[in-house]
Amino acid sequence: MKWWLKRPLYVQIFIGVVLGIILGLIFKEDITVIKPIGDIFLALLQFLVVPLTIFCLIAGILKMEDIRSLRQIGVRIGVYFIVTGILATAMGIIVALFLNPGKGTTGILEGTKEVEAVEFSFMNQIVSWFPRNMVQAMAETNMLQIIIASLIIGIALLSLGNKVSGLKKLANEGSDLMIKITEFIMYLSPIGILALVANMVGTLGTDLLKEVGRFILADYIGLLIVLGVIYPIIIKLLAKKNPFVFYKKISPSLLVAASTTSSNATLPVSMNVARKNLGIPEKVYGFTLPLGATVNMDGMAVGLGVISVFAANLYGLEITLPLILQFVFLGLVLSIGAAGVKGAGIIMSTILLSTLGLPLTLVPILAAIWPIIDIGHTTTNITGDLTGTMMVASQLDMVDEAVYEGMIELDDEIEPQPVNEKANSESLLFNKNEEYTI
């Protein structure tokens, strides 16, 4: 038991997946006796969906502290996060539509019968996103309406400032509470996923292996496009830097991201890289990097885009233009809400499927392959954070070029100095004496 508890969650899940496959192959249909364990795990995931979405989205918006922080650095990095999130989701969707994982396999997963064809009206679809009754939206688990309502509440709380300090505290503490409950439930995930995978393998065999392989391929192609095309264009055109030099300088962060698959664990390394390798002052990276680790998840956005198409194909849901727009919106919003949540991929996939009105029978498959794709997701997330930080600092003329070009080497006491004195005195929201919680 001590050995098991010392293992990281992803290792425990991997062991659960392997054992589930073995048990499914050995006992075949008789393994359905342990299916209730998996059903309980899925029920707990569904229990999380509504409160986790509400509290985490509102708390994420409140991390901006006040409306004034949305200006200067805040506006630039905020627009960057939104645009790259949309582009990342779009890349995932485009690649998935090209490779079409799951196409022609309708009926292979239990629960397909629950999905009915729906006639889409573009304007009616947009109107349906907005809640008329928040309580009704929560009772019906209408996730799009809940997400929109949470965004409105978060922005309103931000604009009211200290007048609603109690509500802000409630939102932040509610977010902490839901994250802790999520951690408790995720401790059970290896057992729940073992039962789900065993039941899936015992009743379905290996029919999905080909489609899962196409899913992984689509995910990584989307990630490579973001890493190899979108970010270099931003660095070249907006930051006015050589993308190859930039990638070389941030390579320590990328190695840590790939090895830990944790944006939060990589944050201290990224801050050190921003200061010592990129010549960016703390008043910039001290704001953009912690915020990025919380709300900028381009790798997750690519994955959610691919999952949307994969799930739609598996469950026979017709992919229309309004549905694609819904995929993009969900990819952006859920990738923002994913930050800081342990087992984020499984949880956000659950929310995505619930929002699309699809069964959760795809969850164990996603859980089984998530350790494989999460390496690329986290590396992309960290690259996106540093790319945005570099862009903002360059546009505000705050990059210490001597440090960036390697002409001087910083020690732990020296801080890169902003070049633009006007920006230093008028447009900055933080000073170097402020402490940042990591």
Protein backbone atom coordinates (compact mmCIF):
# COMPACT_ATOMS: atom_id res chain seq x y z
CA MET A 1 0.00 0.00 0.00
CA LYS A 2 2.84 2.42 0.82
CA TRP A 3 4.43 1.68 -2.54
CA TRP A 4 1.11 2.40 -4.28
CA LEU A 5 0.49 5.67 -2.45
CA LYS A 6 3.97 6.93 -3.35
CA ARG A 7 3.35 6.49 -7.07
CA PRO A 8 2.22 9.57 -9.09
CA LEU A 9 -1.43 9.62 -10.16
CA TYR A 10 -0.60 9.07 -13.84
CA VAL A 11 1.40 5.94 -12.92
CA GLN A 12 -1.52 4.64 -10.85
CA ILE A 13 -3.92 5.28 -13.74
CA PHE A 14 -1.56 3.57 -16.18
CA ILE A 15 -1.37 0.52 -13.91
CA GLY A 16 -5.16 0.54 -13.63
CA VAL A 17 -5.51 0.67 -17.42
CA VAL A 18 -3.06 -2.22 -17.93
CA LEU A 19 -4.76 -4.36 -15.28
CA GLY A 20 -8.16 -3.49 -16.77
CA ILE A 21 -7.04 -4.65 -20.22
CA ILE A 22 -5.63 -7.91 -18.81
CA LEU A 23 -8.75 -8.66 -16.79
CA GLY A 24 -10.99 -7.82 -19.74
CA LEU A 25 -9.07 -10.17 -22.04
CA ILE A 26 -9.08 -12.98 -19.45
CA PHE A 27 -12.68 -12.85 -18.22
CA LYS A 28 -14.31 -11.33 -21.31
CA GLU A 29 -18.05 -10.70 -20.76
CA ASP A 30 -17.94 -12.12 -17.21
CA ILE A 31 -15.95 -9.03 -16.17
CA THR A 32 -19.16 -6.99 -16.23
CA VAL A 33 -19.54 -7.95 -12.56
CA ILE A 34 -17.19 -5.06 -11.66
CA LYS A 35 -18.97 -2.57 -13.94
CA PRO A 36 -20.82 -0.91 -10.98
CA ILE A 37 -17.46 0.31 -9.65
CA GLY A 38 -16.87 2.15 -12.92
CA ASP A 39 -20.43 3.48 -12.87
CA ILE A 40 -19.86 4.95 -9.41
CA PHE A 41 -16.69 6.68 -10.64
CA LEU A 42 -18.57 8.15 -13.61
CA ALA A 43 -21.33 9.34 -11.26
CA LEU A 44 -18.75 11.12 -9.10
CA LEU A 45 -17.31 12.80 -12.20
CA GLN A 46 -20.78 13.97 -13.18
CA PHE A 47 -21.27 15.30 -9.65
CA LEU A 48 -18.18 17.50 -10.15
CA VAL A 49 -19.16 19.00 -13.48
CA VAL A 50 -21.46 21.89 -12.51
CA PRO A 51 -19.85 23.28 -9.32
CA LEU A 52 -16.32 22.80 -10.61
CA THR A 53 -17.10 24.71 -13.80
CA ILE A 54 -18.82 27.60 -12.01
CA PHE A 55 -16.28 28.17 -9.25
CA CYS A 56 -13.12 27.61 -11.31
CA LEU A 57 -14.19 29.88 -14.17
CA ILE A 58 -15.19 32.71 -11.83
CA ALA A 59 -12.00 32.31 -9.76
CA GLY A 60 -9.92 32.31 -12.94
CA ILE A 61 -11.38 35.67 -14.01
CA LEU A 62 -10.82 37.11 -10.51
CA LYS A 63 -7.10 36.34 -10.73
CA MET A 64 -6.85 39.54 -12.77
CA GLU A 65 -7.50 41.33 -9.43
CA ASP A 66 -9.20 44.43 -10.92
CA ILE A 67 -10.36 45.98 -14.18
CA ARG A 68 -7.27 48.21 -14.31
CA SER A 69 -5.07 45.13 -14.62
CA LEU A 70 -6.88 44.32 -17.86
CA ARG A 71 -5.09 47.26 -19.46
CA GLN A 72 -1.53 47.35 -20.76
CA ILE A 73 -0.04 43.96 -19.91
CA GLY A 74 -3.41 42.42 -19.04
CA VAL A 75 -5.14 43.31 -22.32
CA ARG A 76 -2.20 42.16 -24.43
CA ILE A 77 -1.73 38.82 -22.71
CA GLY A 78 -5.48 38.28 -22.42
CA VAL A 79 -6.04 38.79 -26.15
CA TYR A 80 -3.07 36.52 -26.84
CA PHE A 81 -4.51 33.74 -24.66
CA ILE A 82 -7.92 33.99 -26.34
CA VAL A 83 -6.61 34.11 -29.91
CA THR A 84 -4.13 31.27 -29.48
CA GLY A 85 -6.76 29.22 -27.62
CA ILE A 86 -9.17 29.61 -30.53
CA LEU A 87 -6.44 28.80 -33.08
CA ALA A 88 -5.31 25.75 -31.09
CA THR A 89 -8.84 24.38 -30.83
CA ALA A 90 -9.40 25.06 -34.53
CA MET A 91 -6.19 23.18 -35.42
CA GLY A 92 -7.37 20.18 -33.40
CA ILE A 93 -10.75 20.22 -35.11
CA ILE A 94 -9.32 20.68 -38.63
CA VAL A 95 -6.81 17.83 -38.26
CA ALA A 96 -9.46 15.60 -36.67
CA LEU A 97 -11.90 16.32 -39.51
CA PHE A 98 -9.17 15.37 -41.98
CA LEU A 99 -8.22 12.08 -40.25
CA ASN A 100 -11.76 11.43 -38.93
CA PRO A 101 -10.97 9.19 -35.93
CA GLY A 102 -14.04 7.15 -35.01
CA LYS A 103 -15.76 7.68 -38.36
CA GLY A 104 -18.01 4.80 -39.33
CA THR A 105 -17.89 3.16 -35.90
CA THR A 106 -21.28 4.35 -34.64
CA GLY A 107 -22.72 1.80 -32.22
CA ILE A 108 -19.38 0.40 -31.04
CA LEU A 109 -19.69 2.09 -27.64
CA GLU A 110 -22.42 1.44 -25.12
CA GLY A 111 -24.77 4.40 -24.86
CA THR A 112 -24.83 5.32 -28.53
CA LYS A 113 -28.55 4.79 -28.57
CA GLU A 114 -28.92 7.78 -26.23
CA VAL A 115 -27.80 10.22 -28.90
CA GLU A 116 -30.37 11.45 -31.35
CA ALA A 117 -29.87 13.47 -34.50
CA VAL A 118 -30.60 17.15 -33.95
CA GLU A 119 -31.52 19.75 -36.54
CA PHE A 120 -29.28 22.77 -36.02
CA SER A 121 -30.26 26.37 -36.61
CA PHE A 122 -27.30 28.74 -36.46
CA MET A 123 -29.09 31.61 -34.71
CA ASN A 124 -31.15 29.35 -32.46
CA GLN A 125 -27.96 27.59 -31.44
CA ILE A 126 -26.27 30.88 -30.50
CA VAL A 127 -29.37 32.06 -28.60
CA SER A 128 -29.53 28.76 -26.71
CA TRP A 129 -26.07 29.41 -25.25
CA PHE A 130 -27.41 32.22 -23.04
CA PRO A 131 -29.23 31.31 -19.81
CA ARG A 132 -32.76 32.44 -19.02
CA ASN A 133 -32.74 30.73 -15.65
CA MET A 134 -29.44 29.89 -13.94
CA VAL A 135 -31.05 27.42 -11.54
CA GLN A 136 -32.77 25.60 -14.41
CA ALA A 137 -29.48 25.48 -16.35
CA MET A 138 -27.79 23.89 -13.33
CA ALA A 139 -30.63 21.41 -12.77
CA GLU A 140 -30.56 20.36 -16.44
CA THR A 141 -26.72 20.38 -16.56
CA ASN A 142 -26.86 22.79 -19.51
CA MET A 143 -23.13 23.42 -19.49
CA LEU A 144 -23.01 26.07 -22.20
CA GLN A 145 -25.49 28.24 -20.31
CA ILE A 146 -23.61 27.60 -17.06
CA ILE A 147 -20.31 28.62 -18.68
CA ILE A 148 -21.79 31.84 -20.12
CA ALA A 149 -23.40 32.69 -16.76
CA SER A 150 -20.12 32.05 -14.93
CA LEU A 151 -18.24 34.37 -17.30
CA ILE A 152 -20.81 37.13 -16.77
CA ILE A 153 -20.69 36.75 -12.98
CA GLY A 154 -16.88 36.71 -12.96
CA ILE A 155 -16.57 39.88 -15.03
CA ALA A 156 -19.19 41.66 -12.90
CA LEU A 157 -17.38 40.71 -9.68
CA LEU A 158 -14.12 41.93 -11.16
CA SER A 159 -15.64 45.30 -12.07
CA LEU A 160 -17.11 45.81 -8.56
CA GLY A 161 -13.72 45.53 -6.89
CA ASN A 162 -13.59 45.56 -3.09
CA LYS A 163 -17.33 46.16 -2.79
CA VAL A 164 -17.84 42.42 -3.19
CA SER A 165 -14.75 41.14 -1.40
CA GLY A 166 -16.90 38.58 0.41
CA LEU A 167 -18.25 37.14 -2.84
CA LYS A 168 -14.75 37.11 -4.32
CA LYS A 169 -13.52 35.20 -1.29
CA LEU A 170 -16.45 32.80 -1.66
CA ALA A 171 -15.61 32.20 -5.33
CA ASN A 172 -11.92 31.60 -4.64
CA GLU A 173 -12.61 29.37 -1.65
CA GLY A 174 -15.28 27.56 -3.63
CA SER A 175 -12.72 26.92 -6.36
CA ASP A 176 -10.24 25.59 -3.79
CA LEU A 177 -12.97 23.37 -2.34
CA MET A 178 -13.93 21.89 -5.71
CA ILE A 179 -10.29 21.30 -6.63
CA LYS A 180 -9.78 19.45 -3.34
CA ILE A 181 -12.92 17.35 -3.94
CA THR A 182 -11.62 16.67 -7.44
CA GLU A 183 -8.34 15.47 -5.95
CA PHE A 184 -10.24 13.12 -3.61
CA ILE A 185 -12.22 11.68 -6.51
CA MET A 186 -9.13 11.39 -8.68
CA TYR A 187 -7.49 9.28 -5.95
CA LEU A 188 -10.20 6.74 -6.79
CA SER A 189 -9.70 7.09 -10.54
CA PRO A 190 -7.23 4.17 -10.99
CA ILE A 191 -9.83 1.74 -9.55
CA GLY A 192 -12.74 3.31 -11.41
CA ILE A 193 -10.82 3.39 -14.70
CA LEU A 194 -9.65 -0.21 -14.16
CA ALA A 195 -13.29 -1.31 -13.92
CA LEU A 196 -14.35 0.78 -16.93
CA VAL A 197 -11.46 -0.41 -19.13
CA ALA A 198 -11.95 -4.05 -18.10
CA ASN A 199 -15.64 -3.85 -18.98
CA MET A 200 -14.86 -2.12 -22.27
CA VAL A 201 -12.21 -4.67 -23.32
CA GLY A 202 -14.30 -7.61 -22.15
CA THR A 203 -17.33 -6.55 -24.17
CA LEU A 204 -15.70 -4.82 -27.15
CA GLY A 205 -12.32 -6.46 -27.59
CA THR A 206 -9.77 -4.45 -29.57
CA ASP A 207 -12.13 -2.95 -32.16
CA LEU A 208 -11.28 0.59 -31.08
CA LEU A 209 -7.48 0.30 -31.28
CA LYS A 210 -7.29 1.60 -34.84
CA GLU A 211 -9.52 4.57 -34.07
CA VAL A 212 -7.60 5.37 -30.89
CA GLY A 213 -4.37 5.36 -32.90
CA ARG A 214 -5.87 7.84 -35.37
CA PHE A 215 -7.02 9.98 -32.43
CA ILE A 216 -3.48 10.13 -30.97
CA LEU A 217 -2.04 10.91 -34.42
CA ALA A 218 -4.54 13.73 -34.98
CA ASP A 219 -3.78 15.18 -31.54
CA TYR A 220 -0.02 15.29 -32.09
CA ILE A 221 -0.30 16.68 -35.62
CA GLY A 222 -2.43 19.51 -34.22
CA LEU A 223 0.12 20.15 -31.46
CA LEU A 224 3.00 20.21 -33.96
CA ILE A 225 1.18 22.79 -36.10
CA VAL A 226 0.73 25.03 -33.06
CA LEU A 227 4.37 24.58 -31.98
CA GLY A 228 5.91 24.72 -35.43
CA VAL A 229 3.74 27.32 -37.19
CA ILE A 230 1.55 29.47 -34.93
CA TYR A 231 4.03 30.26 -32.15
CA PRO A 232 6.99 30.93 -34.49
CA ILE A 233 4.84 33.37 -36.50
CA ILE A 234 3.96 35.23 -33.28
CA ILE A 235 7.60 35.35 -32.18
CA LYS A 236 8.76 36.55 -35.60
CA LEU A 237 6.06 39.11 -36.38
CA LEU A 238 4.95 40.40 -32.98
CA ALA A 239 8.00 39.84 -30.76
CA LYS A 240 10.51 40.57 -33.57
CA LYS A 241 12.74 37.67 -32.51
CA ASN A 242 14.26 34.66 -34.25
CA PRO A 243 12.01 31.66 -33.46
CA PHE A 244 14.92 29.19 -33.51
CA VAL A 245 16.90 31.26 -31.00
CA PHE A 246 13.81 31.68 -28.85
CA TYR A 247 13.09 27.94 -28.77
CA LYS A 248 16.70 27.24 -27.86
CA LYS A 249 16.54 29.67 -24.96
CA ILE A 250 13.31 28.21 -23.54
CA SER A 251 14.39 24.57 -23.99
CA PRO A 252 14.98 24.00 -20.23
CA SER A 253 11.31 24.73 -19.54
CA LEU A 254 10.18 22.46 -22.37
CA LEU A 255 12.23 19.54 -21.04
CA VAL A 256 10.78 19.95 -17.56
CA ALA A 257 7.25 20.27 -19.00
CA ALA A 258 7.63 17.08 -21.04
CA SER A 259 9.05 15.13 -18.10
CA THR A 260 6.61 16.31 -15.42
CA THR A 261 3.47 16.92 -17.58
CA SER A 262 2.61 19.66 -15.09
CA SER A 263 2.33 23.37 -15.93
CA ASN A 264 2.45 24.33 -12.26
CA ALA A 265 5.56 22.23 -11.60
CA THR A 266 7.26 23.88 -14.59
CA LEU A 267 6.33 27.43 -13.55
CA PRO A 268 9.44 28.16 -11.42
CA VAL A 269 11.69 26.97 -14.25
CA SER A 270 9.81 29.12 -16.77
CA MET A 271 10.15 32.20 -14.56
CA ASN A 272 13.89 31.58 -14.25
CA VAL A 273 14.17 31.13 -18.03
CA ALA A 274 12.21 34.36 -18.66
CA ARG A 275 14.54 36.30 -16.38
CA LYS A 276 17.95 34.80 -17.17
CA ASN A 277 17.58 33.64 -20.79
CA LEU A 278 15.02 36.05 -22.25
CA GLY A 279 15.89 39.22 -20.32
CA ILE A 280 12.31 39.91 -19.25
CA PRO A 281 11.68 41.84 -15.99
CA GLU A 282 9.73 40.29 -13.13
CA LYS A 283 6.99 42.89 -13.41
CA VAL A 284 6.07 41.24 -16.73
CA TYR A 285 6.78 37.53 -16.28
CA GLY A 286 5.62 37.65 -12.64
CA PHE A 287 2.16 38.44 -13.99
CA THR A 288 1.96 36.64 -17.34
CA LEU A 289 3.49 33.28 -16.41
CA PRO A 290 1.44 32.49 -13.28
CA LEU A 291 -1.68 33.70 -15.11
CA GLY A 292 -0.72 31.58 -18.14
CA ALA A 293 -0.22 28.51 -15.95
CA THR A 294 -3.79 29.08 -14.78
CA VAL A 295 -5.69 30.05 -17.92
CA ASN A 296 -3.54 29.35 -20.99
CA MET A 297 -3.87 25.71 -22.05
CA ASP A 298 -3.36 25.61 -25.82
CA GLY A 299 -2.29 21.97 -25.69
CA MET A 300 -5.50 21.08 -23.89
CA ALA A 301 -7.43 23.16 -26.45
CA VAL A 302 -5.98 21.08 -29.31
CA GLY A 303 -6.91 17.90 -27.45
CA LEU A 304 -10.47 19.07 -26.77
CA GLY A 305 -10.90 19.94 -30.45
CA VAL A 306 -9.84 16.43 -31.46
CA ILE A 307 -12.00 14.84 -28.74
CA SER A 308 -15.04 16.78 -29.96
CA VAL A 309 -14.76 15.33 -33.47
CA PHE A 310 -13.80 11.87 -32.17
CA ALA A 311 -16.83 11.74 -29.86
CA ALA A 312 -19.20 13.08 -32.51
CA ASN A 313 -18.04 10.38 -34.93
CA LEU A 314 -18.29 7.58 -32.37
CA TYR A 315 -21.79 8.56 -31.33
CA GLY A 316 -23.09 9.35 -34.81
CA LEU A 317 -23.58 13.07 -34.19
CA GLU A 318 -23.70 15.04 -37.45
CA ILE A 319 -20.91 17.63 -37.55
CA THR A 320 -22.34 20.92 -38.78
CA LEU A 321 -20.98 24.48 -38.85
CA PRO A 322 -22.88 25.54 -35.69
CA LEU A 323 -21.58 22.43 -33.92
CA ILE A 324 -18.02 23.23 -35.02
CA LEU A 325 -18.40 26.76 -33.60
CA GLN A 326 -19.61 25.17 -30.38
CA PHE A 327 -16.52 22.92 -30.38
CA VAL A 328 -14.27 26.00 -30.72
CA PHE A 329 -16.06 27.86 -27.93
CA LEU A 330 -15.90 24.86 -25.60
CA GLY A 331 -12.25 24.21 -26.45
CA LEU A 332 -11.37 27.79 -25.48
CA VAL A 333 -13.45 28.01 -22.31
CA LEU A 334 -12.73 24.51 -20.98
CA SER A 335 -9.00 24.81 -21.64
CA ILE A 336 -9.07 28.01 -19.56
CA GLY A 337 -10.99 26.21 -16.82
CA ALA A 338 -8.64 23.21 -16.90
CA ALA A 339 -5.72 24.89 -15.18
CA GLY A 340 -4.89 23.88 -11.62
CA VAL A 341 -7.17 20.82 -11.67
CA LYS A 342 -5.51 17.51 -10.92
CA GLY A 343 -6.48 15.01 -13.61
CA ALA A 344 -7.59 17.94 -15.75
CA GLY A 345 -7.77 15.98 -19.00
CA ILE A 346 -10.26 13.44 -17.66
CA ILE A 347 -12.34 16.05 -15.85
CA MET A 348 -12.51 18.49 -18.79
CA SER A 349 -13.31 15.66 -21.20
CA THR A 350 -16.20 14.72 -18.92
CA ILE A 351 -17.47 18.31 -19.00
CA LEU A 352 -17.06 18.45 -22.78
CA LEU A 353 -19.05 15.26 -23.35
CA SER A 354 -21.74 16.38 -20.89
CA THR A 355 -22.03 19.74 -22.63
CA LEU A 356 -22.45 18.06 -26.01
CA GLY A 357 -25.12 15.79 -24.55
CA LEU A 358 -23.07 12.64 -25.14
CA PRO A 359 -22.67 9.58 -22.88
CA LEU A 360 -19.50 9.28 -20.76
CA THR A 361 -18.59 5.83 -22.07
CA LEU A 362 -15.67 7.41 -23.95
CA VAL A 363 -14.04 8.56 -20.68
CA PRO A 364 -12.10 5.34 -19.92
CA ILE A 365 -10.61 5.36 -23.42
CA LEU A 366 -9.48 8.95 -22.99
CA ALA A 367 -8.11 8.16 -19.53
CA ALA A 368 -6.10 5.27 -20.97
CA ILE A 369 -4.36 7.38 -23.61
CA TRP A 370 -4.10 10.66 -21.70
CA PRO A 371 -0.58 10.00 -20.30
CA ILE A 372 0.61 9.60 -23.91
CA ILE A 373 -0.89 12.83 -25.25
CA ASP A 374 -0.38 14.88 -22.09
CA ILE A 375 3.36 15.08 -22.78
CA GLY A 376 2.64 17.10 -25.92
CA HIS A 377 -0.16 19.07 -24.25
CA THR A 378 1.99 20.32 -21.36
CA THR A 379 4.94 21.15 -23.61
CA THR A 380 2.63 23.20 -25.83
CA ASN A 381 1.07 24.94 -22.81
CA ILE A 382 4.46 26.05 -21.48
CA THR A 383 5.66 27.17 -24.91
CA GLY A 384 2.50 29.24 -25.26
CA ASP A 385 3.02 30.93 -21.89
CA LEU A 386 6.60 31.92 -22.73
CA THR A 387 5.67 33.00 -26.26
CA GLY A 388 2.99 35.33 -24.90
CA THR A 389 5.35 36.71 -22.25
CA MET A 390 8.00 37.38 -24.88
CA MET A 391 5.47 39.09 -27.14
CA VAL A 392 4.17 41.40 -24.39
CA ALA A 393 7.64 42.35 -23.15
CA SER A 394 8.86 43.08 -26.69
CA GLN A 395 5.85 45.23 -27.56
CA LEU A 396 6.38 47.28 -24.40
CA ASP A 397 10.15 47.59 -25.13
CA MET A 398 10.94 45.86 -21.87
CA VAL A 399 13.36 43.14 -23.02
CA ASP A 400 16.94 43.53 -21.80
CA GLU A 401 18.63 42.87 -25.14
CA ALA A 402 22.05 42.39 -23.53
CA VAL A 403 20.68 39.48 -21.52
CA TYR A 404 18.71 38.09 -24.46
CA GLU A 405 21.73 38.18 -26.75
CA GLY A 406 23.86 36.51 -24.07
CA MET A 407 26.26 39.46 -23.71
CA ILE A 408 25.76 39.46 -19.93
CA GLU A 409 24.77 36.68 -17.57
CA LEU A 410 22.45 37.40 -14.66
CA ASP A 411 23.01 36.14 -11.17
CA ASP A 412 20.19 35.63 -8.69
CA GLU A 413 20.28 39.22 -7.47
CA ILE A 414 20.22 41.10 -10.77
CA GLU A 415 16.91 41.83 -12.40
CA PRO A 416 16.50 42.66 -16.13
CA GLN A 417 15.69 46.33 -16.52
CA PRO A 418 12.96 47.66 -18.82
CA VAL A 419 14.18 49.66 -21.78
CA ASN A 420 11.11 51.84 -22.12
CA GLU A 421 11.16 54.24 -19.15
CA LYS A 422 7.67 55.49 -20.00
CA ALA A 423 6.36 51.96 -19.79
CA ASN A 424 8.28 51.53 -16.57
CA SER A 425 6.66 54.53 -14.90
CA GLU A 426 3.19 54.63 -16.42
CA SER A 427 2.05 51.36 -17.88
CA LEU A 428 3.22 48.71 -15.46
CA LEU A 429 0.91 47.15 -12.99
CA PHE A 430 3.47 45.56 -10.71
CA ASN A 431 6.75 46.60 -9.14
CA LYS A 432 9.77 44.49 -8.41
CA ASN A 433 9.20 44.52 -4.67
CA GLU A 434 5.88 42.71 -4.99
CA GLU A 435 5.79 39.05 -4.04
CA TYR A 436 4.19 36.48 -6.30
CA THR A 437 2.73 33.26 -5.03
CA ILE A 438 3.69 30.26 -7.09
